[in-house]
Amino acid sequence: MTNYAISASQIAEGKNVFIRGKLGFAVLARLIEGAELVASDQRKTKNGMSPVGKPHTTATIIHAEVQFADPNNPTLEEQFVSERRYDSPKRPETGSNYSIDSKGSTLPVIAIPSPKGDGTYDQDESGRELAQGLDVTLVLRTYKPKNFSNRGLALEQVIVHETPRYYSAGGIDQAELAARGIVLNGTPRPVQATPASAAPAAAVPVATEVEDGLSFPTPQPASAPVAVAAPVQAQAPATAVAAPVAAAPAPVAVPATAPAPAPAQQETLEEKLARLEAENASLKDNGSPVGAPVATGPWNGSGQAQQAGITYQG
């Protein structure tokens, strides 16, 4: 176990420490949580490190150097951070490394050089992860965790000292495209293909014909099943049905496949209404949407009626 000259109990809360280096690895645009947190903690435990146990962001820089406010008189907080740099046995060429896992639900502010070129910085709101190798400064803040006497460190800001580049998981670096004169508007994102079996079936609109303000289904093609004939044959012998049909063409149930027979003479309003009600009742007995439970409407004082086959939102 490493023995440090400055312990966490010696530093004060509310102090800032600046440490600069090349970005080696970072997750700054989102929190590490859920299954990803579990997997991360398992890797840390396997490598002899303490698990974080809470949602957090993380950053590792290589060739890390603390930016002392006064190099001749470093603060305790600056010394605390400086002596917690480490060398990587697997990658000695990276020099002194520094890593921080910053717990909490707040993402660090990322500052990038302004395109104005006046030495000022803008906040990066792209929501993308920074690429490895960027020249950055981590701005750390000391704080006192609840129920603990020691102080901790939080990652408050990441200052990028060059034109930002972004991490691309298996894709093409946009800077590489731009170098070839190809500039994309926006950030390209992979599009997940939708299997044909998962595509929703196309809805078939139901047309209607309107007569005297009442809506009825449009007559179907001849290939559609005729449900009217079956009940008529089941309720009476064939001879009983044939006689009235042959004798006079008038008030019989009209199959859905044929239009209503023209009346022999001009109908009165009462006769027309009676005929429409009879046809409506016939359709109801054969499963038509017109025969659904009576909708509310102006005739019963309950508001506007909804037409069959048409759905209104709101």
C-alpha atoms as a PDB file:
ATOM      1  CA  MET A   1       0.000   0.000   0.000  1.00  0.00           C
ATOM      2  CA  THR A   2       1.322   3.436  -0.973  1.00  0.00           C
ATOM      3  CA  ASN A   3       2.139   5.791   1.895  1.00  0.00           C
ATOM      4  CA  TYR A   4       1.171   9.400   1.136  1.00  0.00           C
ATOM      5  CA  ALA A   5       2.538  12.473   2.850  1.00  0.00           C
ATOM      6  CA  ILE A   6      -0.821  14.269   2.702  1.00  0.00           C
ATOM      7  CA  SER A   7      -3.957  12.474   3.876  1.00  0.00           C
ATOM      8  CA  ALA A   8      -7.569  13.222   2.975  1.00  0.00           C
ATOM      9  CA  SER A   9      -8.226  14.499   6.489  1.00  0.00           C
ATOM     10  CA  GLN A  10      -5.611  17.269   6.086  1.00  0.00           C
ATOM     11  CA  ILE A  11      -7.081  19.011   3.052  1.00  0.00           C
ATOM     12  CA  ALA A  12      -9.768  21.681   3.183  1.00  0.00           C
ATOM     13  CA  GLU A  13     -13.081  21.535   1.369  1.00  0.00           C
ATOM     14  CA  GLY A  14     -14.075  23.946  -1.390  1.00  0.00           C
ATOM     15  CA  LYS A  15     -10.584  24.207  -2.927  1.00  0.00           C
ATOM     16  CA  ASN A  16      -9.754  23.820  -6.640  1.00  0.00           C
ATOM     17  CA  VAL A  17      -6.839  21.900  -8.125  1.00  0.00           C
ATOM     18  CA  PHE A  18      -5.818  22.016 -11.816  1.00  0.00           C
ATOM     19  CA  ILE A  19      -4.032  19.034 -13.378  1.00  0.00           C
ATOM     20  CA  ARG A  20      -3.110  18.927 -17.064  1.00  0.00           C
ATOM     21  CA  GLY A  21      -2.227  16.092 -19.431  1.00  0.00           C
ATOM     22  CA  LYS A  22      -3.287  14.087 -22.470  1.00  0.00           C
ATOM     23  CA  LEU A  23      -6.668  12.410 -22.238  1.00  0.00           C
ATOM     24  CA  GLY A  24      -6.198   8.645 -21.994  1.00  0.00           C
ATOM     25  CA  PHE A  25      -9.756   7.523 -21.280  1.00  0.00           C
ATOM     26  CA  ALA A  26     -12.948   9.278 -20.237  1.00  0.00           C
ATOM     27  CA  VAL A  27     -16.689   8.897 -19.821  1.00  0.00           C
ATOM     28  CA  LEU A  28     -17.891  12.447 -19.306  1.00  0.00           C
ATOM     29  CA  ALA A  29     -21.052  12.894 -21.382  1.00  0.00           C
ATOM     30  CA  ARG A  30     -23.120  10.372 -19.397  1.00  0.00           C
ATOM     31  CA  LEU A  31     -23.115   8.504 -16.093  1.00  0.00           C
ATOM     32  CA  ILE A  32     -21.684   5.039 -15.612  1.00  0.00           C
ATOM     33  CA  GLU A  33     -24.599   3.255 -13.942  1.00  0.00           C
ATOM     34  CA  GLY A  34     -26.751   0.132 -14.009  1.00  0.00           C
ATOM     35  CA  ALA A  35     -25.238  -2.950 -15.618  1.00  0.00           C
ATOM     36  CA  GLU A  36     -22.257  -0.913 -16.816  1.00  0.00           C
ATOM     37  CA  LEU A  37     -21.515   0.112 -13.218  1.00  0.00           C
ATOM     38  CA  VAL A  38     -21.692  -3.501 -12.044  1.00  0.00           C
ATOM     39  CA  ALA A  39     -19.271  -4.615 -14.757  1.00  0.00           C
ATOM     40  CA  SER A  40     -16.912  -1.706 -14.003  1.00  0.00           C
ATOM     41  CA  ASP A  41     -16.852  -2.484 -10.278  1.00  0.00           C
ATOM     42  CA  GLN A  42     -16.167  -6.155 -10.993  1.00  0.00           C
ATOM     43  CA  ARG A  43     -13.156  -5.217 -13.126  1.00  0.00           C
ATOM     44  CA  LYS A  44     -11.828  -2.909 -10.408  1.00  0.00           C
ATOM     45  CA  THR A  45     -12.193  -5.602  -7.749  1.00  0.00           C
ATOM     46  CA  LYS A  46     -10.454  -8.137  -9.996  1.00  0.00           C
ATOM     47  CA  ASN A  47      -7.528  -5.717 -10.418  1.00  0.00           C
ATOM     48  CA  GLY A  48      -7.232  -5.112  -6.678  1.00  0.00           C
ATOM     49  CA  MET A  49      -8.948  -1.716  -6.697  1.00  0.00           C
ATOM     50  CA  SER A  50     -11.875  -0.456  -4.641  1.00  0.00           C
ATOM     51  CA  PRO A  51     -15.255  -0.512  -6.444  1.00  0.00           C
ATOM     52  CA  VAL A  52     -17.022   2.819  -6.893  1.00  0.00           C
ATOM     53  CA  GLY A  53     -20.501   1.504  -6.082  1.00  0.00           C
ATOM     54  CA  LYS A  54     -22.388   4.613  -7.257  1.00  0.00           C
ATOM     55  CA  PRO A  55     -23.188   6.288 -10.600  1.00  0.00           C
ATOM     56  CA  HIS A  56     -20.213   8.371 -11.680  1.00  0.00           C
ATOM     57  CA  THR A  57     -18.140   9.859 -14.486  1.00  0.00           C
ATOM     58  CA  THR A  58     -14.487   8.986 -14.974  1.00  0.00           C
ATOM     59  CA  ALA A  59     -11.347  10.417 -16.571  1.00  0.00           C
ATOM     60  CA  THR A  60      -7.729   9.302 -16.894  1.00  0.00           C
ATOM     61  CA  ILE A  61      -4.959  11.537 -18.203  1.00  0.00           C
ATOM     62  CA  ILE A  62      -1.371  10.609 -19.063  1.00  0.00           C
ATOM     63  CA  HIS A  63       1.754  12.759 -18.680  1.00  0.00           C
ATOM     64  CA  ALA A  64      -0.196  14.437 -15.882  1.00  0.00           C
ATOM     65  CA  GLU A  65       1.196  17.554 -14.217  1.00  0.00           C
ATOM     66  CA  VAL A  66      -0.443  19.609 -11.464  1.00  0.00           C
ATOM     67  CA  GLN A  67      -0.683  23.286 -12.387  1.00  0.00           C
ATOM     68  CA  PHE A  68       0.526  24.879  -9.148  1.00  0.00           C
ATOM     69  CA  ALA A  69      -0.784  28.359  -8.426  1.00  0.00           C
ATOM     70  CA  ASP A  70       2.606  29.022  -6.779  1.00  0.00           C
ATOM     71  CA  PRO A  71       5.197  26.335  -7.604  1.00  0.00           C
ATOM     72  CA  ASN A  72       7.367  27.540  -4.705  1.00  0.00           C
ATOM     73  CA  ASN A  73       4.525  27.193  -2.225  1.00  0.00           C
ATOM     74  CA  PRO A  74       2.111  24.409  -3.283  1.00  0.00           C
ATOM     75  CA  THR A  75      -1.073  24.032  -1.316  1.00  0.00           C
ATOM     76  CA  LEU A  76      -1.935  20.893   0.617  1.00  0.00           C
ATOM     77  CA  GLU A  77      -4.677  20.158  -1.898  1.00  0.00           C
ATOM     78  CA  GLU A  78      -2.246  20.441  -4.829  1.00  0.00           C
ATOM     79  CA  GLN A  79       0.237  18.167  -3.082  1.00  0.00           C
ATOM     80  CA  PHE A  80      -2.556  15.715  -2.285  1.00  0.00           C
ATOM     81  CA  VAL A  81      -3.429  15.387  -5.984  1.00  0.00           C
ATOM     82  CA  SER A  82       0.171  15.422  -7.225  1.00  0.00           C
ATOM     83  CA  GLU A  83       1.317  12.518  -5.077  1.00  0.00           C
ATOM     84  CA  ARG A  84      -1.625  10.408  -6.221  1.00  0.00           C
ATOM     85  CA  ARG A  85      -0.323  10.240  -9.757  1.00  0.00           C
ATOM     86  CA  TYR A  86       0.966   6.820 -10.716  1.00  0.00           C
ATOM     87  CA  ASP A  87       3.047   5.033 -13.352  1.00  0.00           C
ATOM     88  CA  SER A  88       1.533   2.317 -15.526  1.00  0.00           C
ATOM     89  CA  PRO A  89       3.608  -0.884 -15.499  1.00  0.00           C
ATOM     90  CA  LYS A  90       2.046  -1.972 -18.789  1.00  0.00           C
ATOM     91  CA  ARG A  91       2.552   1.409 -20.484  1.00  0.00           C
ATOM     92  CA  PRO A  92       5.612   3.114 -19.005  1.00  0.00           C
ATOM     93  CA  GLU A  93       5.752   5.463 -22.004  1.00  0.00           C
ATOM     94  CA  THR A  94       2.649   7.279 -20.699  1.00  0.00           C
ATOM     95  CA  GLY A  95       4.606   8.810 -17.805  1.00  0.00           C
ATOM     96  CA  SER A  96       2.642   9.895 -14.739  1.00  0.00           C
ATOM     97  CA  ASN A  97      -1.054   8.984 -14.933  1.00  0.00           C
ATOM     98  CA  TYR A  98      -3.919  10.443 -12.944  1.00  0.00           C
ATOM     99  CA  SER A  99      -7.443   9.009 -12.684  1.00  0.00           C
ATOM    100  CA  ILE A 100     -10.602  10.179 -10.989  1.00  0.00           C
ATOM    101  CA  ASP A 101     -14.032   8.603 -10.555  1.00  0.00           C
ATOM    102  CA  SER A 102     -16.369  11.479  -9.800  1.00  0.00           C
ATOM    103  CA  LYS A 103     -19.511  10.315  -7.990  1.00  0.00           C
ATOM    104  CA  GLY A 104     -22.850  12.078  -8.310  1.00  0.00           C
ATOM    105  CA  SER A 105     -25.532  12.831 -10.848  1.00  0.00           C
ATOM    106  CA  THR A 106     -23.952  16.014 -12.251  1.00  0.00           C
ATOM    107  CA  LEU A 107     -21.860  15.839 -15.403  1.00  0.00           C
ATOM    108  CA  PRO A 108     -18.693  17.965 -15.561  1.00  0.00           C
ATOM    109  CA  VAL A 109     -18.673  21.102 -17.685  1.00  0.00           C
ATOM    110  CA  ILE A 110     -16.577  20.661 -20.842  1.00  0.00           C
ATOM    111  CA  ALA A 111     -15.010  23.862 -22.176  1.00  0.00           C
ATOM    112  CA  ILE A 112     -13.664  24.037 -25.739  1.00  0.00           C
ATOM    113  CA  PRO A 113     -11.848  26.858 -27.573  1.00  0.00           C
ATOM    114  CA  SER A 114     -14.213  29.394 -29.112  1.00  0.00           C
ATOM    115  CA  PRO A 115     -14.300  29.368 -32.931  1.00  0.00           C
ATOM    116  CA  LYS A 116     -13.717  33.130 -32.732  1.00  0.00           C
ATOM    117  CA  GLY A 117     -10.081  32.395 -31.964  1.00  0.00           C
ATOM    118  CA  ASP A 118      -9.931  35.100 -29.308  1.00  0.00           C
ATOM    119  CA  GLY A 119      -8.653  32.837 -26.549  1.00  0.00           C
ATOM    120  CA  THR A 120     -12.057  32.387 -24.910  1.00  0.00           C
ATOM    121  CA  TYR A 121     -13.908  29.117 -24.365  1.00  0.00           C
ATOM    122  CA  ASP A 122     -17.419  27.859 -25.094  1.00  0.00           C
ATOM    123  CA  GLN A 123     -19.238  25.090 -23.293  1.00  0.00           C
ATOM    124  CA  ASP A 124     -19.379  21.905 -25.344  1.00  0.00           C
ATOM    125  CA  GLU A 125     -23.016  20.820 -25.526  1.00  0.00           C
ATOM    126  CA  SER A 126     -22.603  18.161 -28.230  1.00  0.00           C
ATOM    127  CA  GLY A 127     -23.222  15.324 -25.770  1.00  0.00           C
ATOM    128  CA  ARG A 128     -20.317  13.377 -27.328  1.00  0.00           C
ATOM    129  CA  GLU A 129     -17.333  11.782 -25.625  1.00  0.00           C
ATOM    130  CA  LEU A 130     -13.946  13.428 -26.100  1.00  0.00           C
ATOM    131  CA  ALA A 131     -11.327  11.523 -28.065  1.00  0.00           C
ATOM    132  CA  GLN A 132      -8.104  10.134 -26.634  1.00  0.00           C
ATOM    133  CA  GLY A 133      -4.966  12.221 -26.899  1.00  0.00           C
ATOM    134  CA  LEU A 134      -6.583  15.632 -26.412  1.00  0.00           C
ATOM    135  CA  ASP A 135      -4.642  18.195 -24.394  1.00  0.00           C
ATOM    136  CA  VAL A 136      -6.912  18.828 -21.392  1.00  0.00           C
ATOM    137  CA  THR A 137      -6.926  20.232 -17.890  1.00  0.00           C
ATOM    138  CA  LEU A 138      -9.055  18.585 -15.224  1.00  0.00           C
ATOM    139  CA  VAL A 139     -10.488  21.024 -12.699  1.00  0.00           C
ATOM    140  CA  LEU A 140     -10.969  19.218  -9.379  1.00  0.00           C
ATOM    141  CA  ARG A 141     -12.844  20.451  -6.342  1.00  0.00           C
ATOM    142  CA  THR A 142     -12.422  19.210  -2.790  1.00  0.00           C
ATOM    143  CA  TYR A 143     -15.550  18.474  -0.769  1.00  0.00           C
ATOM    144  CA  LYS A 144     -16.631  16.767   2.423  1.00  0.00           C
ATOM    145  CA  PRO A 145     -18.879  13.739   1.889  1.00  0.00           C
ATOM    146  CA  LYS A 146     -21.819  13.284   4.225  1.00  0.00           C
ATOM    147  CA  ASN A 147     -21.127  11.083   7.251  1.00  0.00           C
ATOM    148  CA  PHE A 148     -17.373  11.030   6.519  1.00  0.00           C
ATOM    149  CA  SER A 149     -14.604  12.991   8.204  1.00  0.00           C
ATOM    150  CA  ASN A 150     -12.232  12.822   5.236  1.00  0.00           C
ATOM    151  CA  ARG A 151     -12.483  15.010   2.141  1.00  0.00           C
ATOM    152  CA  GLY A 152     -13.051  13.849  -1.385  1.00  0.00           C
ATOM    153  CA  LEU A 153     -12.438  15.094  -4.929  1.00  0.00           C
ATOM    154  CA  ALA A 154     -15.021  15.833  -7.613  1.00  0.00           C
ATOM    155  CA  LEU A 155     -14.426  16.519 -11.300  1.00  0.00           C
ATOM    156  CA  GLU A 156     -15.962  19.947 -11.916  1.00  0.00           C
ATOM    157  CA  GLN A 157     -14.692  20.912 -15.373  1.00  0.00           C
ATOM    158  CA  VAL A 158     -12.656  19.634 -18.295  1.00  0.00           C
ATOM    159  CA  ILE A 159     -10.887  22.360 -20.270  1.00  0.00           C
ATOM    160  CA  VAL A 160      -9.833  21.355 -23.803  1.00  0.00           C
ATOM    161  CA  HIS A 161      -6.789  23.271 -25.076  1.00  0.00           C
ATOM    162  CA  GLU A 162      -7.168  22.400 -28.764  1.00  0.00           C
ATOM    163  CA  THR A 163      -9.854  21.898 -31.401  1.00  0.00           C
ATOM    164  CA  PRO A 164     -12.024  19.123 -29.941  1.00  0.00           C
ATOM    165  CA  ARG A 165     -12.098  15.664 -31.420  1.00  0.00           C
ATOM    166  CA  TYR A 166     -14.628  13.055 -30.412  1.00  0.00           C
ATOM    167  CA  TYR A 167     -14.619   9.367 -29.718  1.00  0.00           C
ATOM    168  CA  SER A 168     -16.010   7.249 -32.550  1.00  0.00           C
ATOM    169  CA  ALA A 169     -16.934   3.658 -31.671  1.00  0.00           C
ATOM    170  CA  GLY A 170     -15.967   1.703 -34.765  1.00  0.00           C
ATOM    171  CA  GLY A 171     -17.042   4.519 -37.073  1.00  0.00           C
ATOM    172  CA  ILE A 172     -15.179   7.041 -39.206  1.00  0.00           C
ATOM    173  CA  ASP A 173     -13.596  10.024 -37.506  1.00  0.00           C
ATOM    174  CA  GLN A 174     -15.387  13.154 -38.736  1.00  0.00           C
ATOM    175  CA  ALA A 175     -12.083  15.049 -38.738  1.00  0.00           C
ATOM    176  CA  GLU A 176     -10.721  12.481 -41.185  1.00  0.00           C
ATOM    177  CA  LEU A 177     -13.739  13.030 -43.453  1.00  0.00           C
ATOM    178  CA  ALA A 178     -13.374  16.794 -43.202  1.00  0.00           C
ATOM    179  CA  ALA A 179      -9.728  16.508 -44.275  1.00  0.00           C
ATOM    180  CA  ARG A 180     -11.033  14.980 -47.497  1.00  0.00           C
ATOM    181  CA  GLY A 181     -13.571  17.723 -48.071  1.00  0.00           C
ATOM    182  CA  ILE A 182     -16.549  15.750 -46.732  1.00  0.00           C
ATOM    183  CA  VAL A 183     -18.480  17.644 -44.076  1.00  0.00           C
ATOM    184  CA  LEU A 184     -21.629  16.158 -42.540  1.00  0.00           C
ATOM    185  CA  ASN A 185     -24.374  18.309 -41.037  1.00  0.00           C
ATOM    186  CA  GLY A 186     -25.030  16.977 -37.553  1.00  0.00           C
ATOM    187  CA  THR A 187     -23.694  13.835 -35.950  1.00  0.00           C
ATOM    188  CA  PRO A 188     -24.207  10.606 -37.904  1.00  0.00           C
ATOM    189  CA  ARG A 189     -25.752   7.826 -35.828  1.00  0.00           C
ATOM    190  CA  PRO A 190     -26.249   4.165 -36.768  1.00  0.00           C
ATOM    191  CA  VAL A 191     -29.808   3.314 -37.798  1.00  0.00           C
ATOM    192  CA  GLN A 192     -31.238   0.050 -36.498  1.00  0.00           C
ATOM    193  CA  ALA A 193     -32.939  -1.965 -39.218  1.00  0.00           C
ATOM    194  CA  THR A 194     -36.537  -2.995 -38.522  1.00  0.00           C
ATOM    195  CA  PRO A 195     -37.339  -6.650 -39.358  1.00  0.00           C
ATOM    196  CA  ALA A 196     -40.153  -7.105 -41.858  1.00  0.00           C
ATOM    197  CA  SER A 197     -42.044  -9.255 -39.367  1.00  0.00           C
ATOM    198  CA  ALA A 198     -42.043  -6.377 -36.873  1.00  0.00           C
ATOM    199  CA  ALA A 199     -43.409  -3.803 -39.309  1.00  0.00           C
ATOM    200  CA  PRO A 200     -47.014  -2.804 -38.510  1.00  0.00           C
ATOM    201  CA  ALA A 201     -49.675  -3.930 -40.961  1.00  0.00           C
ATOM    202  CA  ALA A 202     -51.079  -1.191 -43.162  1.00  0.00           C
ATOM    203  CA  ALA A 203     -54.439   0.001 -41.954  1.00  0.00           C
ATOM    204  CA  VAL A 204     -57.306  -0.355 -44.436  1.00  0.00           C
ATOM    205  CA  PRO A 205     -59.527   2.739 -44.385  1.00  0.00           C
ATOM    206  CA  VAL A 206     -63.249   2.181 -44.047  1.00  0.00           C
ATOM    207  CA  ALA A 207     -65.191   4.315 -46.485  1.00  0.00           C
ATOM    208  CA  THR A 208     -68.666   5.540 -45.669  1.00  0.00           C
ATOM    209  CA  GLU A 209     -71.681   6.772 -47.518  1.00  0.00           C
ATOM    210  CA  VAL A 210     -73.850   9.395 -45.923  1.00  0.00           C
ATOM    211  CA  GLU A 211     -77.582   9.628 -46.414  1.00  0.00           C
ATOM    212  CA  ASP A 212     -79.675  12.230 -44.620  1.00  0.00           C
ATOM    213  CA  GLY A 213     -76.863  12.787 -42.101  1.00  0.00           C
ATOM    214  CA  LEU A 214     -76.639   9.079 -41.141  1.00  0.00           C
ATOM    215  CA  SER A 215     -73.454   7.176 -41.943  1.00  0.00           C
ATOM    216  CA  PHE A 216     -73.463   3.640 -43.400  1.00  0.00           C
ATOM    217  CA  PRO A 217     -70.655   1.368 -44.590  1.00  0.00           C
ATOM    218  CA  THR A 218     -69.892   1.416 -48.296  1.00  0.00           C
ATOM    219  CA  PRO A 219     -71.248  -1.738 -50.033  1.00  0.00           C
ATOM    220  CA  GLN A 220     -68.534  -4.402 -50.159  1.00  0.00           C
ATOM    221  CA  PRO A 221     -67.397  -6.335 -53.277  1.00  0.00           C
ATOM    222  CA  ALA A 222     -69.309  -9.436 -54.301  1.00  0.00           C
ATOM    223  CA  SER A 223     -66.516 -11.643 -52.959  1.00  0.00           C
ATOM    224  CA  ALA A 224     -67.206 -10.482 -49.412  1.00  0.00           C
ATOM    225  CA  PRO A 225     -69.191 -12.949 -47.269  1.00  0.00           C
ATOM    226  CA  VAL A 226     -72.921 -12.277 -47.207  1.00  0.00           C
ATOM    227  CA  ALA A 227     -74.085 -12.776 -43.661  1.00  0.00           C
ATOM    228  CA  VAL A 228     -77.727 -11.848 -44.270  1.00  0.00           C
ATOM    229  CA  ALA A 229     -78.710 -14.945 -46.213  1.00  0.00           C
ATOM    230  CA  ALA A 230     -77.812 -17.426 -43.507  1.00  0.00           C
ATOM    231  CA  PRO A 231     -80.196 -16.120 -40.823  1.00  0.00           C
ATOM    232  CA  VAL A 232     -83.081 -15.862 -43.318  1.00  0.00           C
ATOM    233  CA  GLN A 233     -82.710 -19.469 -44.424  1.00  0.00           C
ATOM    234  CA  ALA A 234     -82.357 -20.726 -40.855  1.00  0.00           C
ATOM    235  CA  GLN A 235     -85.488 -19.014 -39.580  1.00  0.00           C
ATOM    236  CA  ALA A 236     -87.914 -20.051 -42.273  1.00  0.00           C
ATOM    237  CA  PRO A 237     -88.281 -22.728 -44.985  1.00  0.00           C
ATOM    238  CA  ALA A 238     -87.102 -21.852 -48.450  1.00  0.00           C
ATOM    239  CA  THR A 239     -90.686 -21.820 -49.799  1.00  0.00           C
ATOM    240  CA  ALA A 240     -91.750 -19.292 -47.159  1.00  0.00           C
ATOM    241  CA  VAL A 241     -89.019 -16.914 -48.198  1.00  0.00           C
ATOM    242  CA  ALA A 242     -89.410 -17.317 -51.931  1.00  0.00           C
ATOM    243  CA  ALA A 243     -93.104 -16.382 -52.067  1.00  0.00           C
ATOM    244  CA  PRO A 244     -92.926 -12.882 -50.542  1.00  0.00           C
ATOM    245  CA  VAL A 245     -89.777 -12.032 -52.473  1.00  0.00           C
ATOM    246  CA  ALA A 246     -91.355 -12.964 -55.773  1.00  0.00           C
ATOM    247  CA  ALA A 247     -94.669 -11.292 -54.970  1.00  0.00           C
ATOM    248  CA  ALA A 248     -93.526  -7.818 -54.067  1.00  0.00           C
ATOM    249  CA  PRO A 249     -90.141  -6.128 -53.994  1.00  0.00           C
ATOM    250  CA  ALA A 250     -90.462  -3.875 -50.984  1.00  0.00           C
ATOM    251  CA  PRO A 251     -89.590  -3.876 -47.311  1.00  0.00           C
ATOM    252  CA  VAL A 252     -87.239  -6.861 -47.032  1.00  0.00           C
ATOM    253  CA  ALA A 253     -83.752  -6.898 -45.523  1.00  0.00           C
ATOM    254  CA  VAL A 254     -81.272  -5.854 -48.176  1.00  0.00           C
ATOM    255  CA  PRO A 255     -77.985  -7.809 -48.369  1.00  0.00           C
ATOM    256  CA  ALA A 256     -74.849  -5.798 -47.794  1.00  0.00           C
ATOM    257  CA  THR A 257     -73.680  -6.603 -51.318  1.00  0.00           C
ATOM    258  CA  ALA A 258     -76.553  -4.826 -53.075  1.00  0.00           C
ATOM    259  CA  PRO A 259     -77.923  -1.274 -52.874  1.00  0.00           C
ATOM    260  CA  ALA A 260     -81.401  -0.709 -51.515  1.00  0.00           C
ATOM    261  CA  PRO A 261     -84.186  -1.216 -54.114  1.00  0.00           C
ATOM    262  CA  ALA A 262     -85.632   1.935 -55.514  1.00  0.00           C
ATOM    263  CA  PRO A 263     -89.111   2.671 -54.133  1.00  0.00           C
ATOM    264  CA  ALA A 264     -91.984   2.491 -56.495  1.00  0.00           C
ATOM    265  CA  GLN A 265     -93.059   6.008 -55.610  1.00  0.00           C
ATOM    266  CA  GLN A 266     -91.681   9.041 -53.851  1.00  0.00           C
ATOM    267  CA  GLU A 267     -91.151   8.286 -50.155  1.00  0.00           C
ATOM    268  CA  THR A 268     -92.335  10.576 -47.465  1.00  0.00           C
ATOM    269  CA  LEU A 269     -89.851  11.595 -44.781  1.00  0.00           C
ATOM    270  CA  GLU A 270     -91.449   9.202 -42.285  1.00  0.00           C
ATOM    271  CA  GLU A 271     -91.272   6.282 -44.760  1.00  0.00           C
ATOM    272  CA  LYS A 272     -87.678   7.033 -45.598  1.00  0.00           C
ATOM    273  CA  LEU A 273     -86.662   7.177 -41.942  1.00  0.00           C
ATOM    274  CA  ALA A 274     -88.481   3.903 -41.261  1.00  0.00           C
ATOM    275  CA  ARG A 275     -86.675   2.230 -44.169  1.00  0.00           C
ATOM    276  CA  LEU A 276     -83.262   3.447 -42.999  1.00  0.00           C
ATOM    277  CA  GLU A 277     -83.937   2.254 -39.464  1.00  0.00           C
ATOM    278  CA  ALA A 278     -84.936  -1.175 -40.777  1.00  0.00           C
ATOM    279  CA  GLU A 279     -81.733  -1.392 -42.846  1.00  0.00           C
ATOM    280  CA  ASN A 280     -79.715  -0.264 -39.867  1.00  0.00           C
ATOM    281  CA  ALA A 281     -81.261  -2.981 -37.706  1.00  0.00           C
ATOM    282  CA  SER A 282     -80.465  -5.549 -40.413  1.00  0.00           C
ATOM    283  CA  LEU A 283     -76.840  -4.485 -40.503  1.00  0.00           C
ATOM    284  CA  LYS A 284     -76.661  -4.606 -36.699  1.00  0.00           C
ATOM    285  CA  ASP A 285     -77.809  -8.228 -36.686  1.00  0.00           C
ATOM    286  CA  ASN A 286     -74.984  -9.112 -39.077  1.00  0.00           C
ATOM    287  CA  GLY A 287     -72.043  -7.651 -37.160  1.00  0.00           C
ATOM    288  CA  SER A 288     -71.725  -4.277 -38.889  1.00  0.00           C
ATOM    289  CA  PRO A 289     -70.013  -1.484 -36.968  1.00  0.00           C
ATOM    290  CA  VAL A 290     -73.169   0.520 -37.464  1.00  0.00           C
ATOM    291  CA  GLY A 291     -74.906  -1.793 -35.033  1.00  0.00           C
ATOM    292  CA  ALA A 292     -72.455  -1.099 -32.218  1.00  0.00           C
ATOM    293  CA  PRO A 293     -73.874   0.283 -28.955  1.00  0.00           C
ATOM    294  CA  VAL A 294     -75.678   3.514 -29.558  1.00  0.00           C
ATOM    295  CA  ALA A 295     -73.235   6.407 -29.584  1.00  0.00           C
ATOM    296  CA  THR A 296     -73.974   9.583 -27.741  1.00  0.00           C
ATOM    297  CA  GLY A 297     -75.342  12.310 -29.980  1.00  0.00           C
ATOM    298  CA  PRO A 298     -77.602  15.290 -30.239  1.00  0.00           C
ATOM    299  CA  TRP A 299     -80.704  13.079 -30.234  1.00  0.00           C
ATOM    300  CA  ASN A 300     -80.146  12.038 -26.615  1.00  0.00           C
ATOM    301  CA  GLY A 301     -78.513  15.230 -25.361  1.00  0.00           C
ATOM    302  CA  SER A 302     -75.130  13.620 -24.731  1.00  0.00           C
ATOM    303  CA  GLY A 303     -72.989  15.465 -27.266  1.00  0.00           C
ATOM    304  CA  GLN A 304     -71.799  14.904 -30.809  1.00  0.00           C
ATOM    305  CA  ALA A 305     -71.996  11.370 -32.243  1.00  0.00           C
ATOM    306  CA  GLN A 306     -68.921   9.606 -33.618  1.00  0.00           C
ATOM    307  CA  GLN A 307     -69.366   8.112 -37.082  1.00  0.00           C
ATOM    308  CA  ALA A 308     -68.721   4.411 -37.591  1.00  0.00           C
ATOM    309  CA  GLY A 309     -65.255   3.609 -38.888  1.00  0.00           C
ATOM    310  CA  ILE A 310     -63.865   7.060 -37.988  1.00  0.00           C
ATOM    311  CA  THR A 311     -61.975   7.662 -34.738  1.00  0.00           C
ATOM    312  CA  TYR A 312     -61.576  11.128 -33.318  1.00  0.00           C
ATOM    313  CA  GLN A 313     -58.798  12.087 -30.915  1.00  0.00           C
ATOM    314  CA  GLY A 314     -59.541  14.575 -28.122  1.00  0.00           C
END
